[in-house]
């Protein structure tokens, strides 16, 4: 199946989920994350949920990170060059939706990519080798390429992996883990 067909398939699967399922599955994913060996790290980059796309609700993960007194990094998208700029979440951080309905910080204390220890990666689909398919703009592949080699990359998905392996590009960077409501996949 092509990447575009997989994007279409998983957008349709998400659209079938009720708001109650979205909440229940998102809570289950957040709770399952507690079992990963990642909690001794300091800097955690988290995407904020695009509710209109029925993404995993990361508010639950945000609360866990805050409760563990971790440094939380939020990113701002630049659609001209498909890059991300990263900011430390503080009490003064102002979050606003951009033209694509992505909630993101207006500005703040910038954090370089190479300081980040753990990244929660948005995705539409992934395979049994940890290859992921996002929305197709390459924001996260560019971002991951800037990070230190020891970065821990965690995908979040409502669904199990595709068993047919994806065609990968040289710029694609695979996940270390993917967490679903039912399981943790390690690659």
Protein backbone atom coordinates (compact mmCIF):
# COMPACT_ATOMS: atom_id res chain seq x y z
CA UNK A 1 0.00 0.00 0.00
CA UNK A 2 1.36 3.46 -0.87
CA UNK A 3 2.09 6.10 1.76
CA UNK A 4 -0.81 8.21 0.53
CA UNK A 5 -3.17 5.22 0.74
CA UNK A 6 -1.96 4.49 4.27
CA UNK A 7 -2.48 8.12 5.29
CA UNK A 8 -6.02 7.96 3.95
CA UNK A 9 -6.69 4.62 5.70
CA UNK A 10 -5.52 5.82 9.11
CA UNK A 11 -7.26 9.18 8.89
CA UNK A 12 -10.48 7.25 8.19
CA UNK A 13 -9.84 4.86 11.11
CA UNK A 14 -9.28 7.81 13.46
CA UNK A 15 -12.45 9.51 12.24
CA UNK A 16 -14.43 6.42 13.29
CA UNK A 17 -13.32 6.82 16.91
CA UNK A 18 -15.79 8.37 19.35
CA UNK A 19 -14.71 11.14 21.73
CA UNK A 20 -15.02 8.63 24.60
CA UNK A 21 -12.70 6.19 22.79
CA UNK A 22 -10.22 9.01 22.09
CA UNK A 23 -10.09 9.84 25.81
CA UNK A 24 -9.92 6.22 26.98
CA UNK A 25 -7.22 5.29 24.45
CA UNK A 26 -5.18 8.44 25.16
CA UNK A 27 -5.25 7.74 28.92
CA UNK A 28 -4.22 4.12 28.30
CA UNK A 29 -1.29 5.28 26.15
CA UNK A 30 -0.16 7.77 28.82
CA UNK A 31 -0.32 5.08 31.51
CA UNK A 32 1.57 2.58 29.34
CA UNK A 33 4.35 5.16 28.83
CA UNK A 34 5.11 4.89 32.55
CA UNK A 35 6.52 1.40 31.86
CA UNK A 36 9.21 2.68 29.48
CA UNK A 37 12.82 3.14 30.69
CA UNK A 38 12.84 6.87 29.91
CA UNK A 39 12.06 8.62 33.18
CA UNK A 40 15.62 9.45 34.25
CA UNK A 41 15.96 11.89 31.33
CA UNK A 42 15.52 15.67 31.56
CA UNK A 43 14.26 17.19 28.26
CA UNK A 44 11.07 15.79 26.69
CA UNK A 45 9.67 17.17 23.44
CA UNK A 46 5.90 16.74 23.15
CA UNK A 47 3.57 17.57 20.29
CA UNK A 48 0.30 19.22 21.20
CA UNK A 49 -2.80 17.50 19.87
CA UNK A 50 -4.55 18.63 16.71
CA UNK A 51 -8.06 17.83 17.92
CA UNK A 52 -9.52 18.19 14.43
CA UNK A 53 -7.31 15.27 13.29
CA UNK A 54 -8.34 13.08 16.24
CA UNK A 55 -4.74 12.67 17.34
CA UNK A 56 -3.70 11.05 20.61
CA UNK A 57 -4.55 13.57 23.35
CA UNK A 58 -1.15 14.45 24.77
CA UNK A 59 -2.59 16.47 27.67
CA UNK A 60 -2.36 13.31 29.81
CA UNK A 61 1.34 12.90 28.94
CA UNK A 62 1.91 16.59 29.63
CA UNK A 63 0.47 16.12 33.13
CA UNK A 64 2.74 13.11 33.78
CA UNK A 65 5.82 15.06 32.64
CA UNK A 66 4.87 18.06 34.78
CA UNK A 67 4.19 15.78 37.75
CA UNK A 68 7.67 14.28 37.37
CA UNK A 69 9.14 17.81 37.16
CA UNK A 70 10.59 17.25 33.68
CA UNK A 71 11.59 20.01 31.26
CA UNK A 72 8.89 19.99 28.57
CA UNK A 73 9.73 21.23 25.10
CA UNK A 74 7.03 22.35 22.65
CA UNK A 75 7.71 23.06 18.99
CA UNK A 76 6.60 25.74 16.58
CA UNK A 77 6.24 24.94 12.87
CA UNK A 78 7.75 26.94 10.04
CA UNK A 79 5.79 26.01 6.91
CA UNK A 80 8.19 27.84 4.58
CA UNK A 81 11.09 25.44 5.18
CA UNK A 82 9.24 22.66 7.09
CA UNK A 83 11.39 23.12 10.18
CA UNK A 84 10.56 23.18 13.88
CA UNK A 85 11.78 25.62 16.52
CA UNK A 86 11.67 24.31 20.09
CA UNK A 87 10.69 26.22 23.23
CA UNK A 88 10.75 25.36 26.92
CA UNK A 89 7.25 25.22 28.40
CA UNK A 90 7.03 27.68 31.29
CA UNK A 91 4.22 29.32 33.25
CA UNK A 92 4.52 32.26 30.82
CA UNK A 93 4.25 30.22 27.60
CA UNK A 94 1.39 31.36 25.39
CA UNK A 95 -0.08 28.62 23.18
CA UNK A 96 -1.98 29.57 20.02
CA UNK A 97 -3.28 27.51 17.11
CA UNK A 98 -1.59 28.27 13.81
CA UNK A 99 -3.35 28.38 10.41
CA UNK A 100 -3.22 24.55 10.29
CA UNK A 101 -4.90 24.17 13.72
CA UNK A 102 -1.63 23.09 15.34
CA UNK A 103 -1.40 24.39 18.91
CA UNK A 104 2.09 25.78 19.43
CA UNK A 105 4.01 28.29 21.54
CA UNK A 106 4.16 31.86 20.28
CA UNK A 107 7.76 32.23 21.50
CA UNK A 108 9.82 31.69 24.62
CA UNK A 109 13.10 30.21 25.76
CA UNK A 110 14.52 28.43 22.72
CA UNK A 111 16.03 24.97 23.24
CA UNK A 112 18.39 23.46 20.63
CA UNK A 113 17.43 20.07 19.16
CA UNK A 114 20.61 18.44 20.44
CA UNK A 115 19.60 19.04 24.09
CA UNK A 116 16.40 17.00 23.82
CA UNK A 117 16.49 13.49 25.32
CA UNK A 118 13.05 12.06 24.45
CA UNK A 119 10.69 12.89 21.59
CA UNK A 120 7.03 11.88 21.39
CA UNK A 121 6.47 11.59 17.65
CA UNK A 122 3.10 12.12 15.97
CA UNK A 123 2.23 9.66 13.22
CA UNK A 124 -0.56 8.22 11.14
CA UNK A 125 0.85 4.73 10.62
CA UNK A 126 3.96 2.68 11.42
CA UNK A 127 5.30 -0.77 10.60
CA UNK A 128 6.87 -3.60 12.61
CA UNK A 129 10.37 -2.14 12.06
CA UNK A 130 9.47 1.26 13.53
CA UNK A 131 9.20 3.10 10.23
CA UNK A 132 6.53 5.77 10.45
CA UNK A 133 4.27 7.69 8.15
CA UNK A 134 3.33 11.20 9.20
CA UNK A 135 1.38 13.85 7.40
CA UNK A 136 3.94 14.02 4.59
CA UNK A 137 5.69 17.35 5.13
CA UNK A 138 8.87 15.93 6.72
CA UNK A 139 8.89 18.18 9.80
CA UNK A 140 9.81 15.37 12.19
CA UNK A 141 12.34 13.68 9.87
CA UNK A 142 14.21 17.00 9.60
CA UNK A 143 13.94 17.52 13.36
CA UNK A 144 15.11 13.99 14.22
CA UNK A 145 18.12 14.38 11.91
CA UNK A 146 19.23 17.38 14.03
CA UNK A 147 19.05 15.45 17.32
CA UNK A 148 21.82 13.64 19.16
CA UNK A 149 22.22 9.95 18.25
CA UNK A 150 21.01 8.78 21.70
CA UNK A 151 17.63 10.49 21.34
CA UNK A 152 14.70 8.24 22.29
CA UNK A 153 11.94 8.40 19.68
CA UNK A 154 8.48 7.29 20.83
CA UNK A 155 5.52 7.08 18.46
CA UNK A 156 1.98 7.29 19.79
CA UNK A 157 -0.79 5.43 17.99
CA UNK A 158 -4.29 4.14 18.60
CA UNK A 159 -3.58 1.19 16.31
CA UNK A 160 -1.13 -1.75 16.02
CA UNK A 161 1.63 -1.66 13.38
CA UNK A 162 1.16 -2.47 9.73
CA UNK A 163 2.70 -5.89 9.07
CA UNK A 164 3.78 -5.00 5.54
CA UNK A 165 7.01 -2.99 5.74
CA UNK A 166 7.00 0.52 4.32
CA UNK A 167 9.21 1.77 1.54
CA UNK A 168 11.64 4.07 3.32
CA UNK A 169 13.53 7.08 2.05
CA UNK A 170 17.10 7.85 3.10
CA UNK A 171 15.72 10.80 5.12
CA UNK A 172 13.27 8.64 7.09
CA UNK A 173 14.23 8.04 10.71
CA UNK A 174 12.62 5.11 12.51
CA UNK A 175 11.15 5.00 16.00
CA UNK A 176 12.62 3.29 19.06
CA UNK A 177 9.18 2.57 20.53
CA UNK A 178 5.54 2.95 19.62
CA UNK A 179 2.95 2.97 22.38
CA UNK A 180 -0.68 2.03 21.80
CA UNK A 181 -3.57 1.57 24.24
CA UNK A 182 -2.89 -2.19 24.17
CA UNK A 183 0.86 -2.59 23.85
CA UNK A 184 4.39 -1.22 23.69
CA UNK A 185 6.34 -2.03 20.51
CA UNK A 186 10.11 -1.82 20.72
CA UNK A 187 12.19 -1.59 17.55
